[in-house]
Amino acid sequence: MLAPEETALVLLAAGRSRRFDDGDKLAERFLDKPLAYHVVTALEDMPFAARIAVVSETQLDFAALGYEVVENPDPTLGQARSLCFGVEAAEKAGVRAVLVALADMPRVTATHVYRLFDASHGDDTIVASSDGVQPKPPALFGRGHFAELQSLDGDQGGRALIRRGRHVITRPAELADVDTQEDLAELRRLYGLPTDG
């Protein structure tokens, strides 16, 4: 079984926010902090060997939160390019696995991520989250898949890869991601917040 102590957390935070209309969606306020900092906070006590944030044109200071910051100079090449940068940095750190999380998924919990580790089985591990219908991040990859992860391209990221892995089911609400202003408004409504303005 893999452990966080031999794993790099790779946080993908370089999306173009195309469907968000305007601004940096990751910096949008939700509850008491920027949207992207919720997953950071949720996983801050897990003893990862390294923390890597792949970013592009954000004002958020991931370095101040203990992350090695890797700039994706061209996010138009898709999520897979960010994943490549993150896995490359993880490989340099000498880790045995990567835990890939998305910065626009503010309801992910450490409890669920530990369940991904519980389902792992070594260097050939692929364990993804699932809402019972579709596998998605957070996802855990053993180093046996690092080369394949670095060869991906386009907006699909590691989706094809995680389809063939093990899937750990959790509540759909925990895996909600924020792609649009409407998604954020719905999330705020869920918490009884008409606005975070």
Protein backbone atom coordinates (compact mmCIF):
# COMPACT_ATOMS: atom_id res chain seq x y z
CA MET A 1 0.00 0.00 0.00
CA LEU A 2 1.17 3.52 -0.78
CA ALA A 3 1.43 6.20 1.90
CA PRO A 4 1.25 10.02 1.82
CA GLU A 5 4.84 10.14 3.15
CA GLU A 6 6.09 8.77 -0.18
CA THR A 7 3.65 10.72 -2.35
CA ALA A 8 3.60 14.18 -3.91
CA LEU A 9 0.36 16.12 -3.86
CA VAL A 10 -0.03 17.69 -7.30
CA LEU A 11 -2.61 20.47 -7.25
CA LEU A 12 -3.77 21.54 -10.71
CA ALA A 13 -4.57 25.25 -10.53
CA ALA A 14 -3.81 26.45 -14.06
CA GLY A 15 -7.22 26.30 -15.72
CA ARG A 16 -8.26 29.06 -18.07
CA SER A 17 -11.66 29.61 -16.39
CA ARG A 18 -13.21 29.85 -19.87
CA ARG A 19 -16.67 28.93 -18.63
CA PHE A 20 -16.47 31.22 -15.61
CA ASP A 21 -17.08 34.38 -17.70
CA ASP A 22 -14.50 36.65 -16.12
CA GLY A 23 -11.76 36.84 -13.53
CA ASP A 24 -9.75 34.20 -11.74
CA LYS A 25 -12.32 31.70 -10.46
CA LEU A 26 -9.80 30.14 -8.07
CA ALA A 27 -9.49 33.50 -6.27
CA GLU A 28 -13.28 33.91 -5.93
CA ARG A 29 -14.37 34.04 -2.29
CA PHE A 30 -16.23 31.07 -0.91
CA LEU A 31 -16.97 31.04 2.81
CA ASP A 32 -13.84 32.48 4.43
CA LYS A 33 -11.20 32.06 1.72
CA PRO A 34 -10.45 31.87 -1.99
CA LEU A 35 -12.09 28.88 -3.68
CA ALA A 36 -8.75 27.15 -4.38
CA TYR A 37 -7.66 27.26 -0.75
CA HIS A 38 -10.41 24.91 0.42
CA VAL A 39 -8.74 21.76 -0.92
CA VAL A 40 -5.40 23.13 0.32
CA THR A 41 -6.86 23.45 3.83
CA ALA A 42 -8.59 20.07 3.67
CA LEU A 43 -5.32 18.28 2.89
CA GLU A 44 -2.89 20.44 4.89
CA ASP A 45 -2.41 17.93 7.73
CA MET A 46 -1.68 14.98 5.45
CA PRO A 47 2.07 14.22 5.57
CA PHE A 48 2.85 14.40 1.85
CA ALA A 49 6.49 14.14 0.83
CA ALA A 50 6.03 17.15 -1.46
CA ARG A 51 3.31 19.62 -2.44
CA ILE A 52 3.29 20.99 -5.97
CA ALA A 53 0.88 23.58 -7.39
CA VAL A 54 0.75 23.98 -11.17
CA VAL A 55 -0.50 27.51 -11.83
CA SER A 56 -1.04 30.07 -14.57
CA GLU A 57 -1.72 33.76 -14.12
CA THR A 58 -3.13 33.59 -10.61
CA GLN A 59 -2.62 36.02 -7.76
CA LEU A 60 -2.95 33.26 -5.20
CA ASP A 61 0.23 32.58 -3.23
CA PHE A 62 0.54 28.81 -3.06
CA ALA A 63 4.23 29.09 -2.14
CA ALA A 64 3.23 30.74 1.16
CA LEU A 65 1.14 27.63 1.86
CA GLY A 66 4.10 25.27 1.47
CA TYR A 67 3.79 24.39 -2.21
CA GLU A 68 6.47 24.27 -4.85
CA VAL A 69 4.93 26.44 -7.56
CA VAL A 70 5.31 25.34 -11.18
CA GLU A 71 4.17 27.76 -13.86
CA ASN A 72 2.28 26.41 -16.86
CA PRO A 73 3.14 29.02 -19.51
CA ASP A 74 0.38 27.94 -21.89
CA PRO A 75 -2.78 26.56 -20.26
CA THR A 76 -4.51 26.60 -23.65
CA LEU A 77 -2.77 23.28 -24.30
CA GLY A 78 -5.18 21.66 -21.85
CA GLN A 79 -5.19 20.07 -18.41
CA ALA A 80 -2.85 17.30 -19.52
CA ARG A 81 -0.02 19.81 -19.96
CA SER A 82 -0.44 20.94 -16.34
CA LEU A 83 -0.46 17.32 -15.25
CA CYS A 84 2.81 16.75 -17.12
CA PHE A 85 4.48 19.67 -15.35
CA GLY A 86 3.25 18.43 -11.97
CA VAL A 87 4.37 14.84 -12.49
CA GLU A 88 7.75 16.00 -13.79
CA ALA A 89 8.30 18.03 -10.60
CA ALA A 90 7.13 15.07 -8.50
CA GLU A 91 9.55 12.74 -10.24
CA LYS A 92 12.41 15.13 -9.47
CA ALA A 93 11.36 14.99 -5.82
CA GLY A 94 11.94 11.23 -5.89
CA VAL A 95 8.46 10.21 -4.77
CA ARG A 96 6.78 6.88 -5.32
CA ALA A 97 3.34 8.23 -6.24
CA VAL A 98 1.33 11.36 -7.04
CA LEU A 99 -2.05 12.37 -5.67
CA VAL A 100 -3.65 14.61 -8.29
CA ALA A 101 -6.24 17.08 -7.00
CA LEU A 102 -8.06 19.97 -8.68
CA ALA A 103 -8.12 23.43 -7.13
CA ASP A 104 -11.73 23.99 -8.20
CA MET A 105 -13.08 21.09 -6.08
CA PRO A 106 -13.62 22.82 -2.71
CA ARG A 107 -15.45 20.01 -0.88
CA VAL A 108 -12.84 17.24 -1.07
CA THR A 109 -11.91 15.82 2.35
CA ALA A 110 -8.79 14.21 3.79
CA THR A 111 -10.94 11.28 4.92
CA HIS A 112 -11.78 10.46 1.31
CA VAL A 113 -8.17 10.89 0.17
CA TYR A 114 -7.01 8.46 2.86
CA ARG A 115 -9.50 5.96 1.42
CA LEU A 116 -7.71 6.28 -1.94
CA PHE A 117 -4.46 5.32 -0.21
CA ASP A 118 -6.22 2.39 1.50
CA ALA A 119 -7.19 1.10 -1.96
CA SER A 120 -3.67 1.40 -3.38
CA HIS A 121 -1.34 -1.54 -4.06
CA GLY A 122 2.09 -0.22 -5.02
CA ASP A 123 3.85 1.30 -8.01
CA ASP A 124 1.18 0.23 -10.53
CA THR A 125 -1.62 1.88 -8.56
CA ILE A 126 -4.36 3.85 -10.27
CA VAL A 127 -7.10 4.75 -7.80
CA ALA A 128 -9.63 7.45 -8.65
CA SER A 129 -12.59 8.98 -6.92
CA SER A 130 -16.11 8.31 -8.16
CA ASP A 131 -19.58 9.67 -7.56
CA GLY A 132 -20.95 6.24 -8.43
CA VAL A 133 -21.21 7.11 -12.12
CA GLN A 134 -17.98 8.66 -13.32
CA PRO A 135 -14.38 8.36 -12.11
CA LYS A 136 -12.62 11.66 -11.49
CA PRO A 137 -9.99 13.35 -9.34
CA PRO A 138 -8.67 13.26 -6.75
CA ALA A 139 -6.72 10.34 -8.16
CA LEU A 140 -3.67 8.44 -6.96
CA PHE A 141 -1.04 7.16 -9.41
CA GLY A 142 1.97 4.98 -8.62
CA ARG A 143 5.30 5.79 -10.25
CA GLY A 144 4.77 2.98 -12.74
CA HIS A 145 2.45 5.40 -14.56
CA PHE A 146 4.61 8.54 -14.42
CA ALA A 147 5.85 8.17 -18.01
CA GLU A 148 2.33 7.66 -19.34
CA LEU A 149 1.04 10.66 -17.38
CA GLN A 150 3.79 12.82 -18.87
CA SER A 151 2.87 11.74 -22.40
CA LEU A 152 -0.78 12.84 -22.18
CA ASP A 153 -2.11 15.83 -24.08
CA GLY A 154 -5.31 17.81 -24.51
CA ASP A 155 -8.10 18.67 -22.09
CA GLN A 156 -8.89 15.12 -21.05
CA GLY A 157 -5.93 14.96 -18.69
CA GLY A 158 -5.71 11.53 -17.10
CA ARG A 159 -9.38 10.59 -17.65
CA ALA A 160 -8.72 7.64 -19.94
CA LEU A 161 -6.11 6.37 -17.48
CA ILE A 162 -8.34 6.61 -14.42
CA ARG A 163 -11.17 4.78 -16.16
CA ARG A 164 -9.10 1.60 -16.03
CA GLY A 165 -8.11 1.98 -12.37
CA ARG A 166 -9.90 1.22 -9.12
CA HIS A 167 -12.65 3.62 -8.09
CA VAL A 168 -13.50 4.71 -4.57
CA ILE A 169 -17.07 5.97 -4.34
CA THR A 170 -18.01 8.97 -2.23
CA ARG A 171 -20.93 11.38 -2.06
CA PRO A 172 -21.37 13.31 -5.33
CA ALA A 173 -21.40 16.58 -3.35
CA GLU A 174 -17.83 15.95 -2.19
CA LEU A 175 -16.64 15.76 -5.79
CA ALA A 176 -18.47 18.86 -7.01
CA ASP A 177 -16.29 21.14 -9.10
CA VAL A 178 -16.82 24.79 -9.92
CA ASP A 179 -16.66 25.51 -13.64
CA THR A 180 -19.19 28.33 -13.99
CA GLN A 181 -20.59 31.28 -12.07
CA GLU A 182 -23.77 29.21 -11.74
CA ASP A 183 -21.83 26.38 -10.07
CA LEU A 184 -20.41 28.82 -7.53
CA ALA A 185 -23.83 30.38 -6.93
CA GLU A 186 -25.28 26.90 -6.33
CA LEU A 187 -22.50 26.08 -3.87
CA ARG A 188 -23.13 29.31 -2.00
CA ARG A 189 -26.86 28.54 -1.88
CA LEU A 190 -26.05 25.13 -0.42
CA TYR A 191 -24.29 26.87 2.47
CA GLY A 192 -27.00 29.53 2.85
CA LEU A 193 -24.81 32.26 1.39
CA PRO A 194 -26.59 34.58 -1.05
CA THR A 195 -23.18 36.04 -1.90
CA ASP A 196 -19.62 36.15 -0.60
CA GLY A 197 -19.23 39.64 -2.02
